[in-house]
Amino acid sequence: MDNAGPKGSFGRHRKIMPFEADSIEALRDASRQKAASLNQHVLGYGAQAEAEWAAAGIAAPDLAAMRQYRLERIRAELRRRGYAGAVLYDPVNIRYATDSTNMQLWVAHNPTRHCFVAAEGPVVLFDYFSCEHLSDHSGVVDEVRPAVSWMYLYGGELTEQKVRRWAAGIADLVKEHGGGNSRIAVDHINPEGVEELARLGISIDNGEAVMENARLIKSPDEILAMRRAIVACEAAMGEMEQALKPGTSENELWAELHRGNIARGG
C-alpha cells in the first residue's frame, strides 16, 4: 500500500533529514546558518524596491555603520544619565538597539523578548528558543540567551518563581558589567519586576527617556534609510490611488497599500 499520501501532496516529497550530521551540534549549526541566510534583513528588500530607489537616486545606507551609530547613541545617553545599562522590552526599542525582529506585534502585547544594553559592556538579547539566527546579521548583539518570560499568560501561578529567575539574570549582568553602578534604565516593566530587582539591589529609572533622546539625532545613513522608506511608501500610495474605483470598499483599498508596502520589504 502506498502511504505517501495523495499525489502532489507536500508530505510525499518532504525530507526529514536531507543529510547526515556528524552530531546534534553540527545539525544545529547548519540549521542556524541556513535560517540566518533566509532572514529578511539579509535577503534585502527585493528588486522592485531597489529599482525604485535607484531611479530616485537614493544610495544604499551603510547598515552596519547605522547599527553601530544607534548603539553608541544609546550608550552615550546611559553614560550621561549615570546608568550601568538598559533593559528594553518595547520591540521598536529592541529594533533600534539590535536591528533584530521577532513577532513584533505579538511581543508588543506579550513582554517576552527583551535585551540588555550595557553602558560599558555587551549587548545581550533574550529571545525565544531556536531564534538565535534572527540576530546573526546584526553585528552588535554579543550574546543571545533564552528569554525568561514572567508575564501571567506564560507564568500563571509560577509568576513569582519566574520573575526571580529573570531578575537574577539581569542583576548578574549589572554586577558583572556595571563597574559597581547598580542603576539601570527600563522602558517597560511590571511591578513584580521592579520589586524583585530592588530586592537584589538594582534601582531602575525611565528607559523611555533614554531611547527617545537617543533617537533625536539622525546619522547620514539613517537619513538615507528614511528617504528610501518615503519613496517606497509613496509608490505604494500611488498604487492604492490607481486601485480606487467606484464600489471599492475601504478594506479593499487599504489592502492595496499594505500589498505595496510589504512587496517593498515594509
Protein backbone atom coordinates (compact mmCIF):
# COMPACT_ATOMS: atom_id res chain seq x y z
CA MET A 1 0.00 0.00 0.00
CA ASP A 2 1.26 3.45 -0.89
CA ASN A 3 1.20 5.52 2.31
CA ALA A 4 2.88 8.51 0.75
CA GLY A 5 -0.36 10.49 0.59
CA PRO A 6 -2.29 11.95 -2.34
CA LYS A 7 -0.42 12.80 -5.49
CA GLY A 8 1.04 16.28 -5.29
CA SER A 9 0.82 16.48 -1.51
CA PHE A 10 3.62 18.16 0.39
CA GLY A 11 4.24 15.17 2.66
CA ARG A 12 5.09 12.92 -0.26
CA HIS A 13 8.19 14.94 -1.11
CA ARG A 14 9.22 16.08 2.34
CA LYS A 15 12.70 15.13 3.57
CA ILE A 16 13.05 14.89 7.33
CA MET A 17 16.85 14.55 7.28
CA PRO A 18 18.34 15.51 3.88
CA PHE A 19 21.90 14.90 5.15
CA GLU A 20 23.70 13.01 7.87
CA ALA A 21 25.05 15.36 10.52
CA ASP A 22 28.21 14.48 12.40
CA SER A 23 26.50 15.45 15.62
CA ILE A 24 23.46 17.21 17.02
CA GLU A 25 25.62 20.30 17.45
CA ALA A 26 26.61 20.20 13.77
CA LEU A 27 22.96 19.89 12.80
CA ARG A 28 22.06 22.87 14.96
CA ASP A 29 24.85 24.95 13.43
CA ALA A 30 23.84 24.02 9.89
CA SER A 31 20.19 24.78 10.61
CA ARG A 32 21.08 28.11 12.17
CA GLN A 33 23.27 29.15 9.24
CA LYS A 34 20.55 28.27 6.73
CA ALA A 35 17.87 30.07 8.72
CA ALA A 36 20.08 33.13 9.13
CA SER A 37 20.66 33.30 5.37
CA LEU A 38 16.88 33.45 4.81
CA ASN A 39 16.29 36.32 7.24
CA GLN A 40 14.60 39.28 5.55
CA HIS A 41 17.29 41.58 6.96
CA VAL A 42 19.83 39.51 4.99
CA LEU A 43 17.79 38.92 1.83
CA GLY A 44 17.08 42.62 1.40
CA TYR A 45 14.03 44.45 0.11
CA GLY A 46 13.61 43.00 -3.37
CA ALA A 47 14.24 44.01 -6.97
CA GLN A 48 11.19 46.27 -7.19
CA ALA A 49 12.20 48.46 -4.25
CA GLU A 50 15.85 48.54 -5.28
CA ALA A 51 14.91 49.65 -8.81
CA GLU A 52 12.69 52.44 -7.48
CA TRP A 53 15.40 53.66 -5.12
CA ALA A 54 17.94 53.63 -7.92
CA ALA A 55 15.56 55.63 -10.13
CA ALA A 56 15.12 58.14 -7.30
CA GLY A 57 18.90 58.43 -6.95
CA ILE A 58 18.98 57.37 -3.29
CA ALA A 59 22.13 55.49 -2.32
CA ALA A 60 22.01 52.49 -0.02
CA PRO A 61 22.69 53.24 3.65
CA ASP A 62 25.59 51.50 5.35
CA LEU A 63 23.51 49.35 7.68
CA ALA A 64 26.47 48.10 9.70
CA ALA A 65 27.52 51.68 10.39
CA MET A 66 23.94 52.65 11.20
CA ARG A 67 23.60 49.84 13.74
CA GLN A 68 26.82 50.84 15.45
CA TYR A 69 25.78 54.50 15.48
CA ARG A 70 22.46 53.69 17.14
CA LEU A 71 24.11 51.55 19.78
CA GLU A 72 26.57 54.32 20.58
CA ARG A 73 23.70 56.82 20.83
CA ILE A 74 22.08 54.61 23.48
CA ARG A 75 25.32 54.17 25.38
CA ALA A 76 26.02 57.90 25.32
CA GLU A 77 22.61 58.53 26.91
CA LEU A 78 23.22 55.83 29.52
CA ARG A 79 26.55 57.35 30.48
CA ARG A 80 25.14 60.87 30.50
CA ARG A 81 22.40 59.81 32.93
CA GLY A 82 24.64 57.65 35.09
CA TYR A 83 23.15 54.24 34.27
CA ALA A 84 25.00 50.94 34.16
CA GLY A 85 22.78 49.74 31.34
CA ALA A 86 19.27 49.45 29.97
CA VAL A 87 16.68 46.67 29.78
CA LEU A 88 14.45 47.09 26.73
CA TYR A 89 11.14 45.32 26.09
CA ASP A 90 9.49 47.59 23.53
CA PRO A 91 10.04 45.86 20.15
CA VAL A 92 10.70 49.23 18.50
CA ASN A 93 13.41 49.94 21.06
CA ILE A 94 14.89 46.46 20.62
CA ARG A 95 14.97 47.04 16.86
CA TYR A 96 16.79 50.35 17.37
CA ALA A 97 19.36 48.75 19.68
CA THR A 98 19.92 45.48 17.81
CA ASP A 99 18.28 45.73 14.36
CA SER A 100 16.65 42.35 15.01
CA THR A 101 12.96 41.49 14.97
CA ASN A 102 10.76 38.58 16.00
CA MET A 103 6.95 38.58 16.01
CA GLN A 104 6.80 42.33 16.52
CA LEU A 105 3.04 42.59 17.10
CA TRP A 106 2.95 39.62 19.46
CA VAL A 107 5.78 40.85 21.68
CA ALA A 108 4.31 44.36 21.72
CA HIS A 109 1.44 42.88 23.75
CA ASN A 110 3.27 39.99 25.43
CA PRO A 111 6.51 41.16 27.10
CA THR A 112 8.79 38.19 26.48
CA ARG A 113 11.61 39.19 24.15
CA HIS A 114 14.00 41.77 25.64
CA CYS A 115 17.60 42.91 25.61
CA PHE A 116 20.22 44.27 27.98
CA VAL A 117 22.50 47.04 26.73
CA ALA A 118 25.46 47.75 28.98
CA ALA A 119 26.87 51.26 29.03
CA GLU A 120 30.32 49.65 29.10
CA GLY A 121 29.95 46.03 28.07
CA PRO A 122 27.92 43.64 25.93
CA VAL A 123 24.53 43.67 24.26
CA VAL A 124 22.65 40.56 25.40
CA LEU A 125 19.46 39.64 23.56
CA PHE A 126 16.91 37.42 25.32
CA ASP A 127 14.87 35.67 22.63
CA TYR A 128 12.64 32.65 22.07
CA PHE A 129 14.27 29.22 21.84
CA SER A 130 15.91 28.41 18.49
CA CYS A 131 15.65 32.04 17.34
CA GLU A 132 19.34 32.89 17.61
CA HIS A 133 19.57 33.18 13.82
CA LEU A 134 17.31 36.24 13.82
CA SER A 135 20.13 38.43 15.11
CA ASP A 136 23.11 36.79 13.38
CA HIS A 137 23.19 39.61 10.82
CA SER A 138 23.22 42.34 13.45
CA GLY A 139 26.90 42.74 14.27
CA VAL A 140 26.05 44.49 17.55
CA VAL A 141 24.49 41.60 19.51
CA ASP A 142 27.19 39.92 21.57
CA GLU A 143 25.14 37.08 23.02
CA VAL A 144 21.68 35.52 22.69
CA ARG A 145 20.08 33.82 25.68
CA PRO A 146 16.68 32.15 26.16
CA ALA A 147 14.18 34.68 27.46
CA VAL A 148 12.62 34.06 30.87
CA SER A 149 9.02 35.17 30.48
CA TRP A 150 7.23 36.07 33.68
CA MET A 151 4.07 37.65 32.30
CA TYR A 152 0.93 35.99 33.65
CA LEU A 153 -0.01 34.35 30.33
CA TYR A 154 3.16 32.24 30.50
CA GLY A 155 3.83 32.18 34.23
CA GLY A 156 0.40 31.80 35.79
CA GLU A 157 0.78 30.75 39.41
CA LEU A 158 4.54 30.37 38.85
CA THR A 159 4.99 34.07 38.05
CA GLU A 160 6.81 34.77 41.31
CA GLN A 161 9.27 31.95 40.65
CA LYS A 162 9.85 33.09 37.08
CA VAL A 163 10.35 36.74 37.96
CA ARG A 164 13.03 35.72 40.45
CA ARG A 165 14.89 33.82 37.73
CA TRP A 166 14.60 36.77 35.37
CA ALA A 167 15.73 39.36 37.91
CA ALA A 168 18.68 37.22 38.99
CA GLY A 169 19.90 37.11 35.40
CA ILE A 170 19.60 40.88 34.98
CA ALA A 171 21.27 41.52 38.34
CA ASP A 172 24.19 39.27 37.39
CA LEU A 173 24.73 41.27 34.19
CA VAL A 174 24.61 44.57 36.07
CA LYS A 175 27.08 43.34 38.68
CA GLU A 176 29.43 41.94 36.03
CA HIS A 177 29.44 44.93 33.70
CA GLY A 178 28.24 47.86 35.80
CA GLY A 179 31.52 48.67 37.49
CA GLY A 180 29.80 48.95 40.87
CA ASN A 181 26.90 51.00 39.49
CA SER A 182 23.52 49.39 40.21
CA ARG A 183 21.27 51.92 38.42
CA ILE A 184 19.64 50.83 35.17
CA ALA A 185 17.01 52.19 32.79
CA VAL A 186 13.98 50.08 31.82
CA ASP A 187 11.43 51.06 29.19
CA HIS A 188 8.52 48.78 30.21
CA ILE A 189 8.22 46.67 33.37
CA ASN A 190 5.51 45.25 35.64
CA PRO A 191 5.51 45.87 39.41
CA GLU A 192 6.79 42.38 40.24
CA GLY A 193 9.95 43.04 38.28
CA VAL A 194 10.55 46.38 39.98
CA GLU A 195 10.19 44.79 43.41
CA GLU A 196 12.45 41.83 42.67
CA LEU A 197 15.20 43.97 41.16
CA ALA A 198 15.02 46.26 44.19
CA ARG A 199 15.36 43.24 46.47
CA LEU A 200 18.58 42.40 44.61
CA GLY A 201 19.90 45.93 45.00
CA ILE A 202 19.12 47.16 41.47
CA SER A 203 17.36 50.52 41.10
CA ILE A 204 15.52 51.43 37.91
CA ASP A 205 14.61 54.63 36.11
CA ASN A 206 12.72 55.60 32.97
CA GLY A 207 14.20 53.89 29.93
CA GLU A 208 11.85 55.65 27.52
CA ALA A 209 13.70 58.91 28.17
CA VAL A 210 16.96 57.20 27.22
CA MET A 211 15.61 55.78 23.98
CA GLU A 212 13.68 58.83 22.79
CA ASN A 213 16.66 61.11 23.34
CA ALA A 214 18.98 58.62 21.64
CA ARG A 215 16.81 58.87 18.51
CA LEU A 216 16.84 62.66 18.36
CA ILE A 217 19.94 63.00 16.17
CA LYS A 218 19.93 61.01 12.94
CA SER A 219 23.06 59.79 11.19
CA PRO A 220 23.57 60.27 7.42
CA ASP A 221 22.80 56.56 6.96
CA GLU A 222 19.55 56.88 8.90
CA ILE A 223 18.52 59.79 6.69
CA LEU A 224 19.19 57.68 3.59
CA ALA A 225 17.08 54.87 5.09
CA MET A 226 14.26 57.32 5.84
CA ARG A 227 14.36 58.70 2.29
CA ARG A 228 14.14 55.18 0.89
CA ALA A 229 11.19 54.41 3.18
CA ILE A 230 9.37 57.51 1.94
CA VAL A 231 9.90 56.53 -1.71
CA ALA A 232 8.54 53.03 -1.01
CA CYS A 233 5.53 54.40 0.86
CA GLU A 234 4.72 56.95 -1.84
CA ALA A 235 4.92 54.24 -4.51
CA ALA A 236 2.50 52.05 -2.55
CA MET A 237 0.17 55.02 -2.06
CA GLY A 238 0.24 55.61 -5.82
CA GLU A 239 -0.80 52.01 -6.43
CA MET A 240 -3.58 52.41 -3.90
CA GLU A 241 -4.79 55.54 -5.70
CA GLN A 242 -4.82 53.68 -9.02
CA ALA A 243 -6.98 50.95 -7.46
CA LEU A 244 -9.58 53.45 -6.24
CA LYS A 245 -12.76 52.91 -8.27
CA PRO A 246 -16.48 53.32 -7.53
CA GLY A 247 -17.68 50.43 -5.39
CA THR A 248 -14.27 49.69 -3.86
CA SER A 249 -14.51 49.15 -0.11
CA GLU A 250 -12.17 50.87 2.31
CA ASN A 251 -10.73 47.49 3.33
CA GLU A 252 -10.03 46.57 -0.29
CA LEU A 253 -8.28 49.89 -0.78
CA TRP A 254 -6.17 49.54 2.38
CA ALA A 255 -5.21 46.05 1.21
CA GLU A 256 -3.58 47.62 -1.86
CA LEU A 257 -1.49 49.92 0.34
CA HIS A 258 -0.39 47.02 2.54
CA ARG A 259 0.41 44.90 -0.51
CA GLY A 260 2.59 47.65 -1.95
CA ASN A 261 4.41 48.28 1.31
CA ILE A 262 5.03 44.60 2.01
CA ALA A 263 6.19 43.95 -1.56
CA ARG A 264 8.89 46.56 -0.95
CA GLY A 265 10.05 45.00 2.30
CA GLY A 266 7.85 47.06 4.62
